[in-house]
Amino acid sequence: MVRFLRADIFDMYRKFKKDPSYRELLLTSLRSLWVRGIGVTTGFLVTWLTARYFSADALGVVSICLAILSLASVASKFGHDVALMRFIAAEGLPAKIKGVYLTSMKLVFPMSLLVAIVLFFAAPYMAEHLFHKNYLSFILQLNAIMLLPLTLLQIHAECLRGVKRIGEYTFFQTSAVSSLAVAGLLVALAAELSGNSPVYIQFIAISVAALLSSYRWLLVSGYFTVRAEYSVSLSALNRVAAPMFTTTIMQLLMSWTGTLVLAAYLPEATVGIYNALVRISVFTNITILAINGLMITRFVAAYHSGDHELLRKQSHEATRLIFITALPLFIVLFSFPTTVLSIFGADFMQYKNELFVLLAGQFIVVCAGLPGQLLNMTDRQHVLRNISIVAAVVNVICCLAFIPTYGMRGACWAQLIGTLVWNLLCMYNVYRKMNIKTFIGFSSY
């Protein structure tokens, strides 16, 4: 392993010196990594401040609201966020970009309002019959109102990625809400607020971030200076978006089913602790997300140019870069789990084994590279959709089977099994359909 890593690092250094394209990849990834690092750090701080200075119960309420909001936002976008990014990256001209954006909003805006209304009136029923916590009714109604701002934030972040504003995309996608929430929590602590203050602060942060992202997109795209040119129909957008919608909602089901099932069976404190463990484990994803944000547009360009060797090269470079940059984080977390957990409080220190299970799942993700994105960006989104359905069904079944008996540990194992199924199927299909091996150790060229 040491010899393999030494050879890879030397090869990366050699290409950095000689290959301008690879140098741009590395430097842009590092810039994106810096911004995403801010997001991961502030997200970690939000979890820590809430658990440490408010309560695990408060963290549980925030987790429940974000789970519902995340799933609802997928329904309201119907896959148009990623589809918009693809079409905007392909169109290029401001007039056509404005046209495809307005075409998409004809569906996204009314869908967001409709889903928000349904959630608002369903909130009392969910509080009483799904979560068995009547006092959550008002909070869930406020949560429904946040759907439109969150949808706009996510749409505009992907639009910025489409015009290669990777830094701004990364900020709005990962850092804006958590940075604002940290500031709000510090103010709440200074004012000695308590109770459910963290969830209200989260709502404010989402609203402000949505306004900022809308302003930046309208400014960057030249929205008010060009006349829209409609070169893409809504039906064409929907054909691309529909498989992506299914894929995204299956991904979110895998991410949030554990939280929702735990909330139905166990107290908010357990839900909060579980989500803190998830937050710690996905800290290792920081390099994946940074490199992924850059590589998607490169995958699109290489695929549409018909350069299969370039696509293979980009995939292999991304896999090695992800693994080498993420490995130190795994070493630290596997070596000092008790120290890391103690930061959140004494109640968290007994869950070292659960953290190990979640870290194992993230290690699989790091080793696998970007097979899902390769499928999604090369007109094989229907394959990824089918994989996502299988993996999500496995994850949901495991959650329903394990959590009632094993509690939080069952949720962790369900997450690991779902992650393993997802990545194995993605890697297999990328190799079978594209003859590209993405798994680290096999991704050489």
Foldseek 3Di string as FASTA:
>chain_A
DVVQLVVLVVVLVVCCVPPPVSVCLVVQLVLLLVLLLLLLVLVLVLLQLCPAVAHLLLLLLLLVLVLVLQLLLLQLQLQLLQLLLLVLLVPVDLQANLQSVVQSCVRNVVSLVVSLVVQLVCLQVCCCPQLNHNVCSVVSNLSSVLNVLLNLLSSLLSNCLSVVVLNSSSCSVGPQLSVQLSVQSVVCVVVVHYDNSSNVSSSVSSNVSSVVSVVVSCVVSVVVPYHHDNPDHSVNSSVLRNLSSLLSSLVSLLVRVLSSLLSNAHRSSLSSLLVSLLSLLCSLVSSVVSSVSPCLSVLLVCLVVVPLVVNLVSLLSQLSSSQSVSVVSLVVCLVPVQVVQCSSHPVNNVCSVLSVLLNLLVNLVSQLGPLLSNCSSNVNSNQSSVQSVVLSVQLNVQSVVQCVPPNSSSNSNSSSSSSVSSSVSSQVCCCVPSVHHNGPPPSDD
